[in-house]
Amino acid sequence: MAKASVKKDNFLVKYFEETRAELRKVSWPSRQEALKLTLIVVAFTISMAALLGIIDYFFARLFGLIVR
């Protein structure tokens, strides 16, 4: 009796094939939309960094007054 050979795909190859198939389904933003959203994220990040810096400065000053 001859055995039927079943070729198993390499799990890594299968993973990349499935990943590629899923990426084809993605609805990608336009260049303008991506730029606009990037600017929003950068502006929000800078504003939060400034706010946290100000809060940190005041807490450091307050702690300095308490410890002194």
PDB file of N, CA and C in Angstrom:
ATOM      1  N   MET A   1       0.824  -1.177   0.000  1.00  0.00           N
ATOM      2  CA  MET A   1       0.000   0.000   0.000  1.00  0.00           C
ATOM      3  C   MET A   1       0.875   1.249   0.000  1.00  0.00           C
ATOM      4  N   ALA A   2       0.555   2.138  -0.869  1.00  0.00           N
ATOM      5  CA  ALA A   2       1.311   3.383  -0.947  1.00  0.00           C
ATOM      6  C   ALA A   2       0.652   4.416  -0.052  1.00  0.00           C
ATOM      7  N   LYS A   3       1.491   5.139   0.653  1.00  0.00           N
ATOM      8  CA  LYS A   3       0.969   6.190   1.530  1.00  0.00           C
ATOM      9  C   LYS A   3       0.819   7.476   0.726  1.00  0.00           C
ATOM     10  N   ALA A   4      -0.294   8.114   0.919  1.00  0.00           N
ATOM     11  CA  ALA A   4      -0.516   9.398   0.257  1.00  0.00           C
ATOM     12  C   ALA A   4       0.225  10.465   1.054  1.00  0.00           C
ATOM     13  N   SER A   5       1.097  11.170   0.387  1.00  0.00           N
ATOM     14  CA  SER A   5       1.852  12.183   1.117  1.00  0.00           C
ATOM     15  C   SER A   5       1.068  13.489   1.108  1.00  0.00           C
ATOM     16  N   VAL A   6       0.892  14.019   2.289  1.00  0.00           N
ATOM     17  CA  VAL A   6       0.190  15.288   2.451  1.00  0.00           C
ATOM     18  C   VAL A   6       1.239  16.318   2.831  1.00  0.00           C
ATOM     19  N   LYS A   7       1.391  17.305   1.972  1.00  0.00           N
ATOM     20  CA  LYS A   7       2.393  18.336   2.235  1.00  0.00           C
ATOM     21  C   LYS A   7       1.809  19.364   3.199  1.00  0.00           C
ATOM     22  N   LYS A   8       2.494  19.527   4.315  1.00  0.00           N
ATOM     23  CA  LYS A   8       2.084  20.546   5.275  1.00  0.00           C
ATOM     24  C   LYS A   8       2.833  21.828   4.955  1.00  0.00           C
ATOM     25  N   ASP A   9       2.091  22.932   4.925  1.00  0.00           N
ATOM     26  CA  ASP A   9       2.731  24.221   4.722  1.00  0.00           C
ATOM     27  C   ASP A   9       3.519  24.590   5.969  1.00  0.00           C
ATOM     28  N   ASN A  10       4.614  25.217   5.747  1.00  0.00           N
ATOM     29  CA  ASN A  10       5.404  25.741   6.845  1.00  0.00           C
ATOM     30  C   ASN A  10       4.533  26.750   7.596  1.00  0.00           C
ATOM     31  N   PHE A  11       4.522  26.693   8.938  1.00  0.00           N
ATOM     32  CA  PHE A  11       3.648  27.581   9.700  1.00  0.00           C
ATOM     33  C   PHE A  11       3.989  29.040   9.477  1.00  0.00           C
ATOM     34  N   LEU A  12       5.258  29.332   9.229  1.00  0.00           N
ATOM     35  CA  LEU A  12       5.674  30.706   9.000  1.00  0.00           C
ATOM     36  C   LEU A  12       5.158  31.213   7.648  1.00  0.00           C
ATOM     37  N   VAL A  13       5.231  30.375   6.638  1.00  0.00           N
ATOM     38  CA  VAL A  13       4.719  30.740   5.317  1.00  0.00           C
ATOM     39  C   VAL A  13       3.215  30.937   5.387  1.00  0.00           C
ATOM     40  N   LYS A  14       2.525  30.046   6.077  1.00  0.00           N
ATOM     41  CA  LYS A  14       1.071  30.157   6.221  1.00  0.00           C
ATOM     42  C   LYS A  14       0.699  31.452   6.952  1.00  0.00           C
ATOM     43  N   TYR A  15       1.454  31.779   7.994  1.00  0.00           N
ATOM     44  CA  TYR A  15       1.198  33.001   8.749  1.00  0.00           C
ATOM     45  C   TYR A  15       1.297  34.232   7.854  1.00  0.00           C
ATOM     46  N   PHE A  16       2.371  34.313   7.068  1.00  0.00           N
ATOM     47  CA  PHE A  16       2.554  35.476   6.200  1.00  0.00           C
ATOM     48  C   PHE A  16       1.510  35.533   5.091  1.00  0.00           C
ATOM     49  N   GLU A  17       1.090  34.395   4.571  1.00  0.00           N
ATOM     50  CA  GLU A  17       0.040  34.384   3.550  1.00  0.00           C
ATOM     51  C   GLU A  17      -1.278  34.888   4.122  1.00  0.00           C
ATOM     52  N   GLU A  18      -1.608  34.438   5.326  1.00  0.00           N
ATOM     53  CA  GLU A  18      -2.845  34.885   5.963  1.00  0.00           C
ATOM     54  C   GLU A  18      -2.772  36.365   6.329  1.00  0.00           C
ATOM     55  N   THR A  19      -1.616  36.815   6.773  1.00  0.00           N
ATOM     56  CA  THR A  19      -1.441  38.226   7.103  1.00  0.00           C
ATOM     57  C   THR A  19      -1.619  39.096   5.864  1.00  0.00           C
ATOM     58  N   ARG A  20      -1.028  38.666   4.766  1.00  0.00           N
ATOM     59  CA  ARG A  20      -1.150  39.413   3.514  1.00  0.00           C
ATOM     60  C   ARG A  20      -2.608  39.472   3.062  1.00  0.00           C
ATOM     61  N   ALA A  21      -3.324  38.361   3.203  1.00  0.00           N
ATOM     62  CA  ALA A  21      -4.739  38.337   2.822  1.00  0.00           C
ATOM     63  C   ALA A  21      -5.553  39.303   3.679  1.00  0.00           C
ATOM     64  N   GLU A  22      -5.254  39.361   4.966  1.00  0.00           N
ATOM     65  CA  GLU A  22      -5.985  40.273   5.850  1.00  0.00           C
ATOM     66  C   GLU A  22      -5.660  41.731   5.533  1.00  0.00           C
ATOM     67  N   LEU A  23      -4.403  42.007   5.206  1.00  0.00           N
ATOM     68  CA  LEU A  23      -4.026  43.388   4.885  1.00  0.00           C
ATOM     69  C   LEU A  23      -4.700  43.880   3.609  1.00  0.00           C
ATOM     70  N   ARG A  24      -5.033  42.971   2.723  1.00  0.00           N
ATOM     71  CA  ARG A  24      -5.741  43.372   1.502  1.00  0.00           C
ATOM     72  C   ARG A  24      -7.164  43.822   1.806  1.00  0.00           C
ATOM     73  N   LYS A  25      -7.720  43.365   2.920  1.00  0.00           N
ATOM     74  CA  LYS A  25      -9.090  43.713   3.297  1.00  0.00           C
ATOM     75  C   LYS A  25      -9.177  45.065   4.000  1.00  0.00           C
ATOM     76  N   VAL A  26      -8.030  45.599   4.428  1.00  0.00           N
ATOM     77  CA  VAL A  26      -8.009  46.837   5.209  1.00  0.00           C
ATOM     78  C   VAL A  26      -8.403  48.027   4.348  1.00  0.00           C
ATOM     79  N   SER A  27      -9.192  48.900   4.931  1.00  0.00           N
ATOM     80  CA  SER A  27      -9.559  50.146   4.268  1.00  0.00           C
ATOM     81  C   SER A  27      -8.537  51.199   4.695  1.00  0.00           C
ATOM     82  N   TRP A  28      -7.550  51.472   3.844  1.00  0.00           N
ATOM     83  CA  TRP A  28      -6.472  52.384   4.187  1.00  0.00           C
ATOM     84  C   TRP A  28      -6.921  53.833   4.018  1.00  0.00           C
ATOM     85  N   PRO A  29      -6.476  54.745   4.914  1.00  0.00           N
ATOM     86  CA  PRO A  29      -6.841  56.160   4.776  1.00  0.00           C
ATOM     87  C   PRO A  29      -6.089  56.795   3.607  1.00  0.00           C
ATOM     88  N   SER A  30      -6.669  57.871   3.113  1.00  0.00           N
ATOM     89  CA  SER A  30      -5.991  58.605   2.043  1.00  0.00           C
ATOM     90  C   SER A  30      -4.781  59.335   2.630  1.00  0.00           C
ATOM     91  N   ARG A  31      -3.942  59.850   1.759  1.00  0.00           N
ATOM     92  CA  ARG A  31      -2.737  60.560   2.223  1.00  0.00           C
ATOM     93  C   ARG A  31      -3.122  61.787   3.050  1.00  0.00           C
ATOM     94  N   GLN A  32      -4.118  62.538   2.593  1.00  0.00           N
ATOM     95  CA  GLN A  32      -4.559  63.737   3.313  1.00  0.00           C
ATOM     96  C   GLN A  32      -5.148  63.370   4.676  1.00  0.00           C
ATOM     97  N   GLU A  33      -5.933  62.310   4.696  1.00  0.00           N
ATOM     98  CA  GLU A  33      -6.547  61.865   5.941  1.00  0.00           C
ATOM     99  C   GLU A  33      -5.472  61.409   6.938  1.00  0.00           C
ATOM    100  N   ALA A  34      -4.480  60.685   6.473  1.00  0.00           N
ATOM    101  CA  ALA A  34      -3.404  60.219   7.339  1.00  0.00           C
ATOM    102  C   ALA A  34      -2.603  61.408   7.885  1.00  0.00           C
ATOM    103  N   LEU A  35      -2.332  62.395   7.052  1.00  0.00           N
ATOM    104  CA  LEU A  35      -1.602  63.584   7.488  1.00  0.00           C
ATOM    105  C   LEU A  35      -2.398  64.345   8.544  1.00  0.00           C
ATOM    106  N   LYS A  36      -3.691  64.508   8.305  1.00  0.00           N
ATOM    107  CA  LYS A  36      -4.552  65.225   9.246  1.00  0.00           C
ATOM    108  C   LYS A  36      -4.592  64.510  10.603  1.00  0.00           C
ATOM    109  N   LEU A  37      -4.765  63.202  10.582  1.00  0.00           N
ATOM    110  CA  LEU A  37      -4.816  62.447  11.831  1.00  0.00           C
ATOM    111  C   LEU A  37      -3.462  62.448  12.548  1.00  0.00           C
ATOM    112  N   THR A  38      -2.383  62.422  11.790  1.00  0.00           N
ATOM    113  CA  THR A  38      -1.047  62.478  12.385  1.00  0.00           C
ATOM    114  C   THR A  38      -0.831  63.815  13.084  1.00  0.00           C
ATOM    115  N   LEU A  39      -1.240  64.897  12.455  1.00  0.00           N
ATOM    116  CA  LEU A  39      -1.100  66.224  13.066  1.00  0.00           C
ATOM    117  C   LEU A  39      -1.934  66.334  14.341  1.00  0.00           C
ATOM    118  N   ILE A  40      -3.104  65.727  14.353  1.00  0.00           N
ATOM    119  CA  ILE A  40      -3.939  65.733  15.555  1.00  0.00           C
ATOM    120  C   ILE A  40      -3.232  65.006  16.689  1.00  0.00           C
ATOM    121  N   VAL A  41      -2.656  63.859  16.388  1.00  0.00           N
ATOM    122  CA  VAL A  41      -1.954  63.083  17.411  1.00  0.00           C
ATOM    123  C   VAL A  41      -0.737  63.842  17.925  1.00  0.00           C
ATOM    124  N   VAL A  42       0.031  64.453  17.038  1.00  0.00           N
ATOM    125  CA  VAL A  42       1.221  65.204  17.454  1.00  0.00           C
ATOM    126  C   VAL A  42       0.814  66.402  18.313  1.00  0.00           C
ATOM    127  N   ALA A  43      -0.219  67.132  17.914  1.00  0.00           N
ATOM    128  CA  ALA A  43      -0.681  68.288  18.684  1.00  0.00           C
ATOM    129  C   ALA A  43      -1.173  67.860  20.068  1.00  0.00           C
ATOM    130  N   PHE A  44      -1.908  66.776  20.131  1.00  0.00           N
ATOM    131  CA  PHE A  44      -2.410  66.284  21.412  1.00  0.00           C
ATOM    132  C   PHE A  44      -1.245  65.843  22.307  1.00  0.00           C
ATOM    133  N   THR A  45      -0.266  65.173  21.731  1.00  0.00           N
ATOM    134  CA  THR A  45       0.884  64.704  22.495  1.00  0.00           C
ATOM    135  C   THR A  45       1.684  65.883  23.059  1.00  0.00           C
ATOM    136  N   ILE A  46       1.905  66.897  22.245  1.00  0.00           N
ATOM    137  CA  ILE A  46       2.642  68.080  22.705  1.00  0.00           C
ATOM    138  C   ILE A  46       1.869  68.806  23.802  1.00  0.00           C
ATOM    139  N   SER A  47       0.556  68.952  23.626  1.00  0.00           N
ATOM    140  CA  SER A  47      -0.237  69.649  24.639  1.00  0.00           C
ATOM    141  C   SER A  47      -0.273  68.872  25.955  1.00  0.00           C
ATOM    142  N   MET A  48      -0.377  67.558  25.889  1.00  0.00           N
ATOM    143  CA  MET A  48      -0.368  66.755  27.117  1.00  0.00           C
ATOM    144  C   MET A  48       1.000  66.803  27.789  1.00  0.00           C
ATOM    145  N   ALA A  49       2.075  66.799  27.004  1.00  0.00           N
ATOM    146  CA  ALA A  49       3.422  66.893  27.574  1.00  0.00           C
ATOM    147  C   ALA A  49       3.592  68.232  28.284  1.00  0.00           C
ATOM    148  N   ALA A  50       3.104  69.306  27.680  1.00  0.00           N
ATOM    149  CA  ALA A  50       3.192  70.628  28.304  1.00  0.00           C
ATOM    150  C   ALA A  50       2.371  70.669  29.589  1.00  0.00           C
ATOM    151  N   LEU A  51       1.162  70.144  29.554  1.00  0.00           N
ATOM    152  CA  LEU A  51       0.307  70.125  30.739  1.00  0.00           C
ATOM    153  C   LEU A  51       0.952  69.330  31.869  1.00  0.00           C
ATOM    154  N   LEU A  52       1.454  68.145  31.564  1.00  0.00           N
ATOM    155  CA  LEU A  52       2.103  67.333  32.594  1.00  0.00           C
ATOM    156  C   LEU A  52       3.382  67.988  33.105  1.00  0.00           C
ATOM    157  N   GLY A  53       4.102  68.684  32.230  1.00  0.00           N
ATOM    158  CA  GLY A  53       5.286  69.412  32.659  1.00  0.00           C
ATOM    159  C   GLY A  53       4.941  70.522  33.630  1.00  0.00           C
ATOM    160  N   ILE A  54       3.872  71.257  33.351  1.00  0.00           N
ATOM    161  CA  ILE A  54       3.430  72.332  34.241  1.00  0.00           C
ATOM    162  C   ILE A  54       2.988  71.767  35.590  1.00  0.00           C
ATOM    163  N   ILE A  55       2.212  70.695  35.550  1.00  0.00           N
ATOM    164  CA  ILE A  55       1.760  70.062  36.797  1.00  0.00           C
ATOM    165  C   ILE A  55       2.963  69.562  37.599  1.00  0.00           C
ATOM    166  N   ASP A  56       3.920  68.950  36.927  1.00  0.00           N
ATOM    167  CA  ASP A  56       5.119  68.451  37.602  1.00  0.00           C
ATOM    168  C   ASP A  56       5.904  69.604  38.230  1.00  0.00           C
ATOM    169  N   TYR A  57       6.017  70.703  37.525  1.00  0.00           N
ATOM    170  CA  TYR A  57       6.731  71.870  38.046  1.00  0.00           C
ATOM    171  C   TYR A  57       6.076  72.364  39.339  1.00  0.00           C
ATOM    172  N   PHE A  58       4.735  72.490  39.334  1.00  0.00           N
ATOM    173  CA  PHE A  58       4.047  72.985  40.521  1.00  0.00           C
ATOM    174  C   PHE A  58       4.143  72.006  41.693  1.00  0.00           C
ATOM    175  N   PHE A  59       4.059  70.711  41.414  1.00  0.00           N
ATOM    176  CA  PHE A  59       4.210  69.737  42.492  1.00  0.00           C
ATOM    177  C   PHE A  59       5.631  69.744  43.048  1.00  0.00           C
ATOM    178  N   ALA A  60       6.619  69.933  42.192  1.00  0.00           N
ATOM    179  CA  ALA A  60       7.999  70.009  42.655  1.00  0.00           C
ATOM    180  C   ALA A  60       8.192  71.239  43.543  1.00  0.00           C
ATOM    181  N   ARG A  61       7.628  72.373  43.146  1.00  0.00           N
ATOM    182  CA  ARG A  61       7.712  73.582  43.966  1.00  0.00           C
ATOM    183  C   ARG A  61       6.987  73.393  45.296  1.00  0.00           C
ATOM    184  N   LEU A  62       5.805  72.789  45.252  1.00  0.00           N
ATOM    185  CA  LEU A  62       5.038  72.534  46.473  1.00  0.00           C
ATOM    186  C   LEU A  62       5.818  71.592  47.402  1.00  0.00           C
ATOM    187  N   PHE A  63       6.380  70.545  46.844  1.00  0.00           N
ATOM    188  CA  PHE A  63       7.168  69.613  47.645  1.00  0.00           C
ATOM    189  C   PHE A  63       8.387  70.310  48.243  1.00  0.00           C
ATOM    190  N   GLY A  64       9.004  71.191  47.463  1.00  0.00           N
ATOM    191  CA  GLY A  64      10.146  71.972  47.961  1.00  0.00           C
ATOM    192  C   GLY A  64       9.746  72.849  49.147  1.00  0.00           C
ATOM    193  N   LEU A  65       8.563  73.451  49.108  1.00  0.00           N
ATOM    194  CA  LEU A  65       8.095  74.271  50.215  1.00  0.00           C
ATOM    195  C   LEU A  65       7.787  73.434  51.449  1.00  0.00           C
ATOM    196  N   ILE A  66       7.257  72.251  51.242  1.00  0.00           N
ATOM    197  CA  ILE A  66       6.898  71.373  52.369  1.00  0.00           C
ATOM    198  C   ILE A  66       8.163  70.837  53.050  1.00  0.00           C
ATOM    199  N   VAL A  67       9.134  70.429  52.271  1.00  0.00           N
ATOM    200  CA  VAL A  67      10.348  69.819  52.811  1.00  0.00           C
ATOM    201  C   VAL A  67      11.235  70.845  53.502  1.00  0.00           C
ATOM    202  N   ARG A  68      11.258  72.042  52.976  1.00  0.00           N
ATOM    203  CA  ARG A  68      12.118  73.088  53.502  1.00  0.00           C
ATOM    204  C   ARG A  68      11.777  73.407  54.892  1.00  0.00           C
TER     205      ARG A  68
END
